[in-house]
Amino acid sequence: SLTMFFRFLDIAGVNSHIIYVGNHMMTAEKPK
């Protein structure tokens, strides 16, 4: 159960960065 929690955190980190990049595509600011 704990090792699946780690994988959930990794997936959440990947997904959140993809949403962050998508929100910055229409701006002049370069995404991190």
Full PDB file with SEQRES, HELIX, SHEET, SSBOND, CRYST1, ORIGX, SCALE, CONECT and MASTER records, all heavy atoms in Angstrom:
SEQRES   1 A   32  SER LEU THR MET PHE PHE ARG PHE LEU ASP ILE ALA GLY          
SEQRES   2 A   32  VAL ASN SER HIS ILE ILE TYR VAL GLY ASN HIS MET MET          
SEQRES   3 A   32  THR ALA GLU LYS PRO LYS                                      
HELIX    1 AA1 LEU A    2  ASN A   23  1                                  22    
CRYST1    1.000    1.000    1.000  90.00  90.00  90.00 P 1           1          
ORIGX1      1.000000  0.000000  0.000000        0.00000                         
ORIGX2      0.000000  1.000000  0.000000        0.00000                         
ORIGX3      0.000000  0.000000  1.000000        0.00000                         
SCALE1      1.000000  0.000000  0.000000        0.00000                         
SCALE2      0.000000  1.000000  0.000000        0.00000                         
SCALE3      0.000000  0.000000  1.000000        0.00000                         
ATOM      1  N   SER A   1       0.828  -1.208   0.000  1.00  0.00           N  
ATOM      2  CA  SER A   1       0.000   0.000   0.000  1.00  0.00           C  
ATOM      3  C   SER A   1       0.862   1.258   0.000  1.00  0.00           C  
ATOM      4  O   SER A   1       0.533   2.256  -0.656  1.00  0.00           O  
ATOM      5  CB  SER A   1      -0.934  -0.009   1.211  1.00  0.00           C  
ATOM      6  OG  SER A   1      -0.191  -0.079   2.419  1.00  0.00           O  
ATOM      7  N   LEU A   2       1.973   1.222   0.724  1.00  0.00           N  
ATOM      8  CA  LEU A   2       2.867   2.377   0.763  1.00  0.00           C  
ATOM      9  C   LEU A   2       3.598   2.560  -0.560  1.00  0.00           C  
ATOM     10  O   LEU A   2       3.783   3.694  -1.028  1.00  0.00           O  
ATOM     11  CB  LEU A   2       3.862   2.229   1.915  1.00  0.00           C  
ATOM     12  CG  LEU A   2       4.769   3.429   2.201  1.00  0.00           C  
ATOM     13  CD1 LEU A   2       3.942   4.677   2.475  1.00  0.00           C  
ATOM     14  CD2 LEU A   2       5.703   3.136   3.370  1.00  0.00           C  
ATOM     15  N   THR A   3       4.004   1.466  -1.175  1.00  0.00           N  
ATOM     16  CA  THR A   3       4.699   1.597  -2.463  1.00  0.00           C  
ATOM     17  C   THR A   3       3.756   2.095  -3.551  1.00  0.00           C  
ATOM     18  O   THR A   3       4.171   2.814  -4.463  1.00  0.00           O  
ATOM     19  CB  THR A   3       5.346   0.259  -2.867  1.00  0.00           C  
ATOM     20  OG1 THR A   3       6.300   0.495  -3.899  1.00  0.00           O  
ATOM     21  CG2 THR A   3       4.331  -0.735  -3.382  1.00  0.00           C  
ATOM     22  N   MET A   4       2.452   1.760  -3.456  1.00  0.00           N  
ATOM     23  CA  MET A   4       1.493   2.311  -4.411  1.00  0.00           C  
ATOM     24  C   MET A   4       1.263   3.799  -4.152  1.00  0.00           C  
ATOM     25  O   MET A   4       1.015   4.572  -5.077  1.00  0.00           O  
ATOM     26  CB  MET A   4       0.173   1.553  -4.334  1.00  0.00           C  
ATOM     27  CG  MET A   4       0.224   0.151  -4.933  1.00  0.00           C  
ATOM     28  SD  MET A   4       0.940   0.091  -6.587  1.00  0.00           S  
ATOM     29  CE  MET A   4      -0.103   1.221  -7.483  1.00  0.00           C  
ATOM     30  N   PHE A   5       1.351   4.212  -2.898  1.00  0.00           N  
ATOM     31  CA  PHE A   5       1.249   5.635  -2.578  1.00  0.00           C  
ATOM     32  C   PHE A   5       2.385   6.413  -3.237  1.00  0.00           C  
ATOM     33  O   PHE A   5       2.177   7.510  -3.769  1.00  0.00           O  
ATOM     34  CB  PHE A   5       1.282   5.820  -1.066  1.00  0.00           C  
ATOM     35  CG  PHE A   5       1.384   7.254  -0.616  1.00  0.00           C  
ATOM     36  CD1 PHE A   5       0.330   8.127  -0.797  1.00  0.00           C  
ATOM     37  CD2 PHE A   5       2.542   7.729  -0.017  1.00  0.00           C  
ATOM     38  CE1 PHE A   5       0.419   9.458  -0.389  1.00  0.00           C  
ATOM     39  CE2 PHE A   5       2.640   9.044   0.402  1.00  0.00           C  
ATOM     40  CZ  PHE A   5       1.576   9.908   0.208  1.00  0.00           C  
ATOM     41  N   PHE A   6       3.588   5.844  -3.242  1.00  0.00           N  
ATOM     42  CA  PHE A   6       4.712   6.482  -3.915  1.00  0.00           C  
ATOM     43  C   PHE A   6       4.441   6.613  -5.419  1.00  0.00           C  
ATOM     44  O   PHE A   6       4.732   7.656  -6.026  1.00  0.00           O  
ATOM     45  CB  PHE A   6       5.990   5.694  -3.681  1.00  0.00           C  
ATOM     46  CG  PHE A   6       6.425   5.637  -2.238  1.00  0.00           C  
ATOM     47  CD1 PHE A   6       7.011   4.494  -1.718  1.00  0.00           C  
ATOM     48  CD2 PHE A   6       6.243   6.720  -1.409  1.00  0.00           C  
ATOM     49  CE1 PHE A   6       7.412   4.437  -0.398  1.00  0.00           C  
ATOM     50  CE2 PHE A   6       6.642   6.680  -0.082  1.00  0.00           C  
ATOM     51  CZ  PHE A   6       7.223   5.539   0.423  1.00  0.00           C  
ATOM     52  N   ARG A   7       3.891   5.563  -6.030  1.00  0.00           N  
ATOM     53  CA  ARG A   7       3.585   5.639  -7.459  1.00  0.00           C  
ATOM     54  C   ARG A   7       2.477   6.662  -7.729  1.00  0.00           C  
ATOM     55  O   ARG A   7       2.522   7.370  -8.746  1.00  0.00           O  
ATOM     56  CB  ARG A   7       3.195   4.262  -7.977  1.00  0.00           C  
ATOM     57  CG  ARG A   7       2.779   4.197  -9.452  1.00  0.00           C  
ATOM     58  CD  ARG A   7       3.725   4.915 -10.386  1.00  0.00           C  
ATOM     59  NE  ARG A   7       5.096   4.475 -10.324  1.00  0.00           N  
ATOM     60  CZ  ARG A   7       5.798   4.023 -11.354  1.00  0.00           C  
ATOM     61  NH1 ARG A   7       5.218   3.942 -12.550  1.00  0.00           N  
ATOM     62  NH2 ARG A   7       7.056   3.673 -11.216  1.00  0.00           N  
ATOM     63  N   PHE A   8       1.516   6.780  -6.839  1.00  0.00           N  
ATOM     64  CA  PHE A   8       0.477   7.796  -7.007  1.00  0.00           C  
ATOM     65  C   PHE A   8       1.075   9.204  -6.965  1.00  0.00           C  
ATOM     66  O   PHE A   8       0.671  10.083  -7.733  1.00  0.00           O  
ATOM     67  CB  PHE A   8      -0.583   7.652  -5.918  1.00  0.00           C  
ATOM     68  CG  PHE A   8      -1.434   6.418  -6.048  1.00  0.00           C  
ATOM     69  CD1 PHE A   8      -2.240   5.992  -4.997  1.00  0.00           C  
ATOM     70  CD2 PHE A   8      -1.438   5.673  -7.205  1.00  0.00           C  
ATOM     71  CE1 PHE A   8      -3.019   4.866  -5.109  1.00  0.00           C  
ATOM     72  CE2 PHE A   8      -2.214   4.524  -7.335  1.00  0.00           C  
ATOM     73  CZ  PHE A   8      -3.005   4.129  -6.278  1.00  0.00           C  
ATOM     74  N   LEU A   9       2.037   9.427  -6.067  1.00  0.00           N  
ATOM     75  CA  LEU A   9       2.701  10.728  -6.004  1.00  0.00           C  
ATOM     76  C   LEU A   9       3.456  11.018  -7.304  1.00  0.00           C  
ATOM     77  O   LEU A   9       3.438  12.150  -7.814  1.00  0.00           O  
ATOM     78  CB  LEU A   9       3.668  10.771  -4.826  1.00  0.00           C  
ATOM     79  CG  LEU A   9       3.082  10.891  -3.420  1.00  0.00           C  
ATOM     80  CD1 LEU A   9       4.205  10.989  -2.400  1.00  0.00           C  
ATOM     81  CD2 LEU A   9       2.163  12.088  -3.304  1.00  0.00           C  
ATOM     82  N   ASP A  10       4.120   9.996  -7.851  1.00  0.00           N  
ATOM     83  CA  ASP A  10       4.855  10.193  -9.103  1.00  0.00           C  
ATOM     84  C   ASP A  10       3.909  10.549 -10.245  1.00  0.00           C  
ATOM     85  O   ASP A  10       4.193  11.450 -11.047  1.00  0.00           O  
ATOM     86  CB  ASP A  10       5.649   8.928  -9.451  1.00  0.00           C  
ATOM     87  CG  ASP A  10       6.733   8.625  -8.434  1.00  0.00           C  
ATOM     88  OD1 ASP A  10       7.167   9.560  -7.736  1.00  0.00           O  
ATOM     89  OD2 ASP A  10       7.133   7.444  -8.327  1.00  0.00           O  
ATOM     90  N   ILE A  11       2.783   9.847 -10.336  1.00  0.00           N  
ATOM     91  CA  ILE A  11       1.803  10.136 -11.388  1.00  0.00           C  
ATOM     92  C   ILE A  11       1.226  11.535 -11.205  1.00  0.00           C  
ATOM     93  O   ILE A  11       1.053  12.286 -12.171  1.00  0.00           O  
ATOM     94  CB  ILE A  11       0.685   9.069 -11.383  1.00  0.00           C  
ATOM     95  CG1 ILE A  11       1.252   7.707 -11.831  1.00  0.00           C  
ATOM     96  CG2 ILE A  11      -0.467   9.479 -12.285  1.00  0.00           C  
ATOM     97  CD1 ILE A  11       0.256   6.577 -11.744  1.00  0.00           C  
ATOM     98  N   ALA A  12       0.928  11.900  -9.953  1.00  0.00           N  
ATOM     99  CA  ALA A  12       0.393  13.232  -9.691  1.00  0.00           C  
ATOM    100  C   ALA A  12       1.409  14.314 -10.061  1.00  0.00           C  
ATOM    101  O   ALA A  12       1.034  15.377 -10.578  1.00  0.00           O  
ATOM    102  CB  ALA A  12      -0.006  13.359  -8.223  1.00  0.00           C  
ATOM    103  N   GLY A  13       2.694  14.062  -9.801  1.00  0.00           N  
ATOM    104  CA  GLY A  13       3.727  15.023 -10.174  1.00  0.00           C  
ATOM    105  C   GLY A  13       3.834  15.199 -11.677  1.00  0.00           C  
ATOM    106  O   GLY A  13       3.996  16.326 -12.170  1.00  0.00           O  
ATOM    107  N   VAL A  14       3.735  14.099 -12.424  1.00  0.00           N  
ATOM    108  CA  VAL A  14       3.792  14.180 -13.889  1.00  0.00           C  
ATOM    109  C   VAL A  14       2.573  14.922 -14.428  1.00  0.00           C  
ATOM    110  O   VAL A  14       2.681  15.827 -15.273  1.00  0.00           O  
ATOM    111  CB  VAL A  14       3.898  12.770 -14.499  1.00  0.00           C  
ATOM    112  CG1 VAL A  14       3.752  12.826 -16.017  1.00  0.00           C  
ATOM    113  CG2 VAL A  14       5.223  12.115 -14.133  1.00  0.00           C  
ATOM    114  N   ASN A  15       1.384  14.547 -13.947  1.00  0.00           N  
ATOM    115  CA  ASN A  15       0.154  15.169 -14.449  1.00  0.00           C  
ATOM    116  C   ASN A  15       0.087  16.661 -14.126  1.00  0.00           C  
ATOM    117  O   ASN A  15      -0.328  17.472 -14.955  1.00  0.00           O  
ATOM    118  CB  ASN A  15      -1.057  14.449 -13.858  1.00  0.00           C  
ATOM    119  CG  ASN A  15      -1.320  13.102 -14.520  1.00  0.00           C  
ATOM    120  OD1 ASN A  15      -0.593  12.705 -15.430  1.00  0.00           O  
ATOM    121  ND2 ASN A  15      -2.341  12.413 -14.082  1.00  0.00           N  
ATOM    122  N   SER A  16       0.475  17.025 -12.909  1.00  0.00           N  
ATOM    123  CA  SER A  16       0.395  18.434 -12.526  1.00  0.00           C  
ATOM    124  C   SER A  16       1.347  19.292 -13.355  1.00  0.00           C  
ATOM    125  O   SER A  16       1.015  20.433 -13.708  1.00  0.00           O  
ATOM    126  CB  SER A  16       0.693  18.589 -11.038  1.00  0.00           C  
ATOM    127  OG  SER A  16       1.973  18.074 -10.722  1.00  0.00           O  
ATOM    128  N   HIS A  17       2.524  18.768 -13.691  1.00  0.00           N  
ATOM    129  CA  HIS A  17       3.443  19.544 -14.526  1.00  0.00           C  
ATOM    130  C   HIS A  17       2.907  19.689 -15.939  1.00  0.00           C  
ATOM    131  O   HIS A  17       3.076  20.752 -16.570  1.00  0.00           O  
ATOM    132  CB  HIS A  17       4.813  18.858 -14.567  1.00  0.00           C  
ATOM    133  CG  HIS A  17       5.817  19.592 -15.393  1.00  0.00           C  
ATOM    134  ND1 HIS A  17       6.259  19.127 -16.626  1.00  0.00           N  
ATOM    135  CD2 HIS A  17       6.455  20.780 -15.197  1.00  0.00           C  
ATOM    136  CE1 HIS A  17       7.128  19.976 -17.129  1.00  0.00           C  
ATOM    137  NE2 HIS A  17       7.264  20.981 -16.293  1.00  0.00           N  
ATOM    138  N   ILE A  18       2.224  18.668 -16.457  1.00  0.00           N  
ATOM    139  CA  ILE A  18       1.645  18.760 -17.797  1.00  0.00           C  
ATOM    140  C   ILE A  18       0.551  19.834 -17.828  1.00  0.00           C  
ATOM    141  O   ILE A  18       0.457  20.632 -18.773  1.00  0.00           O  
ATOM    142  CB  ILE A  18       1.089  17.398 -18.226  1.00  0.00           C  
ATOM    143  CG1 ILE A  18       2.244  16.404 -18.429  1.00  0.00           C  
ATOM    144  CG2 ILE A  18       0.258  17.505 -19.497  1.00  0.00           C  
ATOM    145  CD1 ILE A  18       1.800  14.977 -18.661  1.00  0.00           C  
ATOM    146  N   ILE A  19      -0.270  19.891 -16.790  1.00  0.00           N  
ATOM    147  CA  ILE A  19      -1.303  20.927 -16.713  1.00  0.00           C  
ATOM    148  C   ILE A  19      -0.657  22.309 -16.597  1.00  0.00           C  
ATOM    149  O   ILE A  19      -1.097  23.278 -17.229  1.00  0.00           O  
ATOM    150  CB  ILE A  19      -2.233  20.648 -15.524  1.00  0.00           C  
ATOM    151  CG1 ILE A  19      -3.016  19.355 -15.764  1.00  0.00           C  
ATOM    152  CG2 ILE A  19      -3.198  21.806 -15.292  1.00  0.00           C  
ATOM    153  CD1 ILE A  19      -3.886  18.935 -14.596  1.00  0.00           C  
ATOM    154  N   TYR A  20       0.404  22.397 -15.793  1.00  0.00           N  
ATOM    155  CA  TYR A  20       1.117  23.671 -15.633  1.00  0.00           C  
ATOM    156  C   TYR A  20       1.682  24.149 -16.971  1.00  0.00           C  
ATOM    157  O   TYR A  20       1.547  25.333 -17.334  1.00  0.00           O  
ATOM    158  CB  TYR A  20       2.225  23.494 -14.596  1.00  0.00           C  
ATOM    159  CG  TYR A  20       3.309  24.539 -14.654  1.00  0.00           C  
ATOM    160  CD1 TYR A  20       3.116  25.805 -14.108  1.00  0.00           C  
ATOM    161  CD2 TYR A  20       4.534  24.260 -15.259  1.00  0.00           C  
ATOM    162  CE1 TYR A  20       4.114  26.763 -14.162  1.00  0.00           C  
ATOM    163  CE2 TYR A  20       5.533  25.204 -15.317  1.00  0.00           C  
ATOM    164  CZ  TYR A  20       5.323  26.454 -14.771  1.00  0.00           C  
ATOM    165  OH  TYR A  20       6.311  27.402 -14.843  1.00  0.00           O  
ATOM    166  N   VAL A  21       2.308  23.255 -17.734  1.00  0.00           N  
ATOM    167  CA  VAL A  21       2.870  23.638 -19.035  1.00  0.00           C  
ATOM    168  C   VAL A  21       1.757  24.050 -19.997  1.00  0.00           C  
ATOM    169  O   VAL A  21       1.888  25.022 -20.750  1.00  0.00           O  
ATOM    170  CB  VAL A  21       3.698  22.477 -19.613  1.00  0.00           C  
ATOM    171  CG1 VAL A  21       4.132  22.784 -21.046  1.00  0.00           C  
ATOM    172  CG2 VAL A  21       4.929  22.220 -18.755  1.00  0.00           C  
ATOM    173  N   GLY A  22       0.638  23.304 -19.974  1.00  0.00           N  
ATOM    174  CA  GLY A  22      -0.475  23.657 -20.848  1.00  0.00           C  
ATOM    175  C   GLY A  22      -1.053  25.022 -20.545  1.00  0.00           C  
ATOM    176  O   GLY A  22      -1.453  25.763 -21.464  1.00  0.00           O  
ATOM    177  N   ASN A  23      -1.085  25.403 -19.284  1.00  0.00           N  
ATOM    178  CA  ASN A  23      -1.608  26.721 -18.914  1.00  0.00           C  
ATOM    179  C   ASN A  23      -0.663  27.854 -19.286  1.00  0.00           C  
ATOM    180  O   ASN A  23      -1.086  29.005 -19.370  1.00  0.00           O  
ATOM    181  CB  ASN A  23      -1.888  26.764 -17.410  1.00  0.00           C  
ATOM    182  CG  ASN A  23      -3.049  25.878 -17.023  1.00  0.00           C  
ATOM    183  OD1 ASN A  23      -3.920  25.583 -17.838  1.00  0.00           O  
ATOM    184  ND2 ASN A  23      -3.074  25.434 -15.769  1.00  0.00           N  
ATOM    185  N   HIS A  24       0.625  27.534 -19.494  1.00  0.00           N  
ATOM    186  CA  HIS A  24       1.607  28.575 -19.835  1.00  0.00           C  
ATOM    187  C   HIS A  24       1.884  28.642 -21.338  1.00  0.00           C  
ATOM    188  O   HIS A  24       2.703  29.468 -21.763  1.00  0.00           O  
ATOM    189  CB  HIS A  24       2.927  28.316 -19.093  1.00  0.00           C  
ATOM    190  CG  HIS A  24       2.906  28.781 -17.670  1.00  0.00           C  
ATOM    191  ND1 HIS A  24       2.171  28.146 -16.708  1.00  0.00           N  
ATOM    192  CD2 HIS A  24       3.511  29.828 -17.051  1.00  0.00           C  
ATOM    193  CE1 HIS A  24       2.342  28.771 -15.558  1.00  0.00           C  
ATOM    194  NE2 HIS A  24       3.140  29.789 -15.733  1.00  0.00           N  
ATOM    195  N   MET A  25       1.218  27.837 -22.121  1.00  0.00           N  
ATOM    196  CA  MET A  25       1.476  27.867 -23.556  1.00  0.00           C  
ATOM    197  C   MET A  25       0.971  29.151 -24.208  1.00  0.00           C  
ATOM    198  O   MET A  25       1.513  29.594 -25.221  1.00  0.00           O  
ATOM    199  CB  MET A  25       0.822  26.656 -24.225  1.00  0.00           C  
ATOM    200  CG  MET A  25       1.491  25.326 -23.909  1.00  0.00           C  
ATOM    201  SD  MET A  25       0.715  23.936 -24.755  1.00  0.00           S  
ATOM    202  CE  MET A  25       1.039  24.359 -26.463  1.00  0.00           C  
ATOM    203  N   MET A  26      -0.056  29.758 -23.642  1.00  0.00           N  
ATOM    204  CA  MET A  26      -0.623  30.980 -24.224  1.00  0.00           C  
ATOM    205  C   MET A  26      -0.004  32.241 -23.654  1.00  0.00           C  
ATOM    206  O   MET A  26      -0.431  33.338 -23.962  1.00  0.00           O  
ATOM    207  CB  MET A  26      -2.140  30.998 -23.993  1.00  0.00           C  
ATOM    208  CG  MET A  26      -2.874  29.789 -24.546  1.00  0.00           C  
ATOM    209  SD  MET A  26      -2.626  29.566 -26.324  1.00  0.00           S  
ATOM    210  CE  MET A  26      -3.428  31.035 -26.933  1.00  0.00           C  
ATOM    211  N   THR A  27       1.004  32.095 -22.816  1.00  0.00           N  
ATOM    212  CA  THR A  27       1.668  33.262 -22.228  1.00  0.00           C  
ATOM    213  C   THR A  27       3.101  33.359 -22.745  1.00  0.00           C  
ATOM    214  O   THR A  27       3.657  32.404 -23.288  1.00  0.00           O  
ATOM    215  CB  THR A  27       1.675  33.165 -20.693  1.00  0.00           C  
ATOM    216  OG1 THR A  27       2.436  32.007 -20.294  1.00  0.00           O  
ATOM    217  CG2 THR A  27       0.256  33.027 -20.158  1.00  0.00           C  
ATOM    218  N   ALA A  28       3.691  34.517 -22.542  1.00  0.00           N  
ATOM    219  CA  ALA A  28       5.078  34.727 -22.987  1.00  0.00           C  
ATOM    220  C   ALA A  28       6.075  34.119 -22.018  1.00  0.00           C  
ATOM    221  O   ALA A  28       7.246  33.965 -22.360  1.00  0.00           O  
ATOM    222  CB  ALA A  28       5.349  36.219 -23.155  1.00  0.00           C  
ATOM    223  N   GLU A  29       5.634  33.786 -20.815  1.00  0.00           N  
ATOM    224  CA  GLU A  29       6.541  33.240 -19.815  1.00  0.00           C  
ATOM    225  C   GLU A  29       6.942  31.813 -20.171  1.00  0.00           C  
ATOM    226  O   GLU A  29       6.095  30.988 -20.530  1.00  0.00           O  
ATOM    227  CB  GLU A  29       5.868  33.259 -18.441  1.00  0.00           C  
ATOM    228  CG  GLU A  29       6.742  32.745 -17.314  1.00  0.00           C  
ATOM    229  CD  GLU A  29       6.014  32.722 -15.988  1.00  0.00           C  
ATOM    230  OE1 GLU A  29       4.839  33.150 -15.955  1.00  0.00           O  
ATOM    231  OE2 GLU A  29       6.609  32.274 -14.993  1.00  0.00           O  
ATOM    232  N   LYS A  30       8.218  31.521 -20.076  1.00  0.00           N  
ATOM    233  CA  LYS A  30       8.706  30.182 -20.360  1.00  0.00           C  
ATOM    234  C   LYS A  30       8.398  29.259 -19.182  1.00  0.00           C  
ATOM    235  O   LYS A  30       8.736  29.577 -18.036  1.00  0.00           O  
ATOM    236  CB  LYS A  30      10.215  30.211 -20.613  1.00  0.00           C  
ATOM    237  CG  LYS A  30      10.785  28.856 -20.999  1.00  0.00           C  
ATOM    238  CD  LYS A  30      12.282  28.949 -21.275  1.00  0.00           C  
ATOM    239  CE  LYS A  30      12.851  27.590 -21.647  1.00  0.00           C  
ATOM    240  NZ  LYS A  30      14.305  27.662 -21.901  1.00  0.00           N  
ATOM    241  N   PRO A  31       7.741  28.122 -19.406  1.00  0.00           N  
ATOM    242  CA  PRO A  31       7.394  27.239 -18.279  1.00  0.00           C  
ATOM    243  C   PRO A  31       8.633  26.593 -17.672  1.00  0.00           C  
ATOM    244  O   PRO A  31       9.662  26.407 -18.334  1.00  0.00           O  
ATOM    245  CB  PRO A  31       6.480  26.192 -18.926  1.00  0.00           C  
ATOM    246  CG  PRO A  31       6.837  26.196 -20.371  1.00  0.00           C  
ATOM    247  CD  PRO A  31       7.249  27.602 -20.694  1.00  0.00           C  
ATOM    248  N   LYS A  32       8.522  26.242 -16.414  1.00  0.00           N  
ATOM    249  CA  LYS A  32       9.623  25.606 -15.710  1.00  0.00           C  
ATOM    250  C   LYS A  32       9.765  24.155 -16.138  1.00  0.00           C  
ATOM    251  O   LYS A  32       8.813  23.515 -16.580  1.00  0.00           O  
ATOM    252  CB  LYS A  32       9.387  25.660 -14.198  1.00  0.00           C  
ATOM    253  CG  LYS A  32       9.310  27.053 -13.619  1.00  0.00           C  
ATOM    254  CD  LYS A  32       9.030  26.993 -12.122  1.00  0.00           C  
ATOM    255  CE  LYS A  32       8.915  28.390 -11.525  1.00  0.00           C  
ATOM    256  NZ  LYS A  32       8.623  28.345 -10.075  1.00  0.00           N  
TER     257      LYS A  32                                                      
MASTER        0    0    0    1    0    0    0    6  256    1    0    3          
END                                                                             
